[in-house]
C-alpha atoms as a PDB file:
ATOM      1  CA  MET A   1     -18.066  11.490   6.171  1.00  0.00           C
ATOM      2  CA  ILE A   2     -15.195  10.557   8.489  1.00  0.00           C
ATOM      3  CA  ASP A   3     -15.913   6.838   7.984  1.00  0.00           C
ATOM      4  CA  LYS A   4     -15.337   7.236   4.251  1.00  0.00           C
ATOM      5  CA  TYR A   5     -11.934   8.840   4.843  1.00  0.00           C
ATOM      6  CA  ASN A   6     -11.074   6.270   7.490  1.00  0.00           C
ATOM      7  CA  LEU A   7     -11.762   3.426   5.044  1.00  0.00           C
ATOM      8  CA  GLU A   8      -9.687   5.055   2.305  1.00  0.00           C
ATOM      9  CA  LEU A   9      -6.808   5.648   4.702  1.00  0.00           C
ATOM     10  CA  TYR A  10      -6.961   1.983   5.741  1.00  0.00           C
ATOM     11  CA  ARG A  11      -6.784   0.946   2.063  1.00  0.00           C
ATOM     12  CA  ILE A  12      -3.773   3.183   1.421  1.00  0.00           C
ATOM     13  CA  ILE A  13      -1.948   1.814   4.458  1.00  0.00           C
ATOM     14  CA  ASP A  14      -2.796  -1.745   3.373  1.00  0.00           C
ATOM     15  CA  LEU A  15      -1.419  -1.066  -0.110  1.00  0.00           C
ATOM     16  CA  LEU A  16       1.829   0.382   1.247  1.00  0.00           C
ATOM     17  CA  LEU A  17       2.255  -2.563   3.615  1.00  0.00           C
ATOM     18  CA  LYS A  18       1.708  -5.076   0.792  1.00  0.00           C
ATOM     19  CA  ASP A  19       4.460  -3.343  -1.150  1.00  0.00           C
ATOM     20  CA  LYS A  20       6.800  -4.081   1.795  1.00  0.00           C
ATOM     21  CA  GLY A  21       5.614  -7.693   2.239  1.00  0.00           C
ATOM     22  CA  PHE A  22       3.258  -7.252   5.185  1.00  0.00           C
ATOM     23  CA  LYS A  23      -0.463  -7.097   5.809  1.00  0.00           C
ATOM     24  CA  ILE A  24      -2.708  -6.075   8.668  1.00  0.00           C
ATOM     25  CA  LYS A  25      -3.694  -9.172  10.623  1.00  0.00           C
ATOM     26  CA  GLU A  26      -7.365 -10.093  10.320  1.00  0.00           C
ATOM     27  CA  GLY A  27      -8.756  -6.746   9.247  1.00  0.00           C
ATOM     28  CA  TYR A  28      -9.176  -3.278  10.651  1.00  0.00           C
ATOM     29  CA  GLU A  29      -9.810  -4.202  14.272  1.00  0.00           C
ATOM     30  CA  HIS A  30      -6.237  -5.551  14.478  1.00  0.00           C
ATOM     31  CA  TYR A  31      -4.611  -2.540  12.845  1.00  0.00           C
ATOM     32  CA  ASP A  32      -1.655  -2.733  15.219  1.00  0.00           C
ATOM     33  CA  GLU A  33      -0.852  -6.383  14.402  1.00  0.00           C
ATOM     34  CA  LEU A  34       1.084  -7.201  11.232  1.00  0.00           C
ATOM     35  CA  GLU A  35       1.883 -10.498   9.611  1.00  0.00           C
ATOM     36  CA  LYS A  36       4.357 -11.297   6.893  1.00  0.00           C
ATOM     37  CA  THR A  37       2.929 -12.014   3.461  1.00  0.00           C
ATOM     38  CA  GLN A  38       4.171 -12.399  -0.066  1.00  0.00           C
ATOM     39  CA  LYS A  39       5.518  -9.115  -1.380  1.00  0.00           C
ATOM     40  CA  GLU A  40       3.362  -7.649  -4.142  1.00  0.00           C
ATOM     41  CA  ASP A  41       4.935  -6.463  -7.372  1.00  0.00           C
ATOM     42  CA  PHE A  42       2.932  -3.380  -8.259  1.00  0.00           C
ATOM     43  CA  LYS A  43       5.131  -2.524 -11.248  1.00  0.00           C
ATOM     44  CA  ASN A  44       3.288  -5.083 -13.384  1.00  0.00           C
ATOM     45  CA  TYR A  45      -0.087  -3.710 -12.304  1.00  0.00           C
ATOM     46  CA  ALA A  46       1.021  -0.168 -13.128  1.00  0.00           C
ATOM     47  CA  LYS A  47       2.331  -1.156 -16.577  1.00  0.00           C
ATOM     48  CA  LYS A  48      -0.903  -2.990 -17.386  1.00  0.00           C
ATOM     49  CA  LEU A  49      -2.989  -0.022 -16.267  1.00  0.00           C
ATOM     50  CA  LEU A  50      -0.943   2.398 -18.363  1.00  0.00           C
ATOM     51  CA  ARG A  51      -1.338   0.163 -21.433  1.00  0.00           C
ATOM     52  CA  GLU A  52      -5.106   0.056 -20.943  1.00  0.00           C
ATOM     53  CA  LEU A  53      -5.307   3.835 -20.459  1.00  0.00           C
ATOM     54  CA  ASN A  54      -3.301   4.454 -23.641  1.00  0.00           C
ATOM     55  CA  ASN A  55      -5.672   2.359 -25.810  1.00  0.00           C
END
């Protein structure tokens, strides 16, 4: 069960980093190494999701 939570925590951290313009370098085994990436704009994703949920 702990592996499931570990994976979800990794995904949450990855999402928060993408919002700031970073990502974890080469997957989970390099969790302490970050690299700069293009900043994600999650506002558009959220608006699209809300539109779909309201239909």
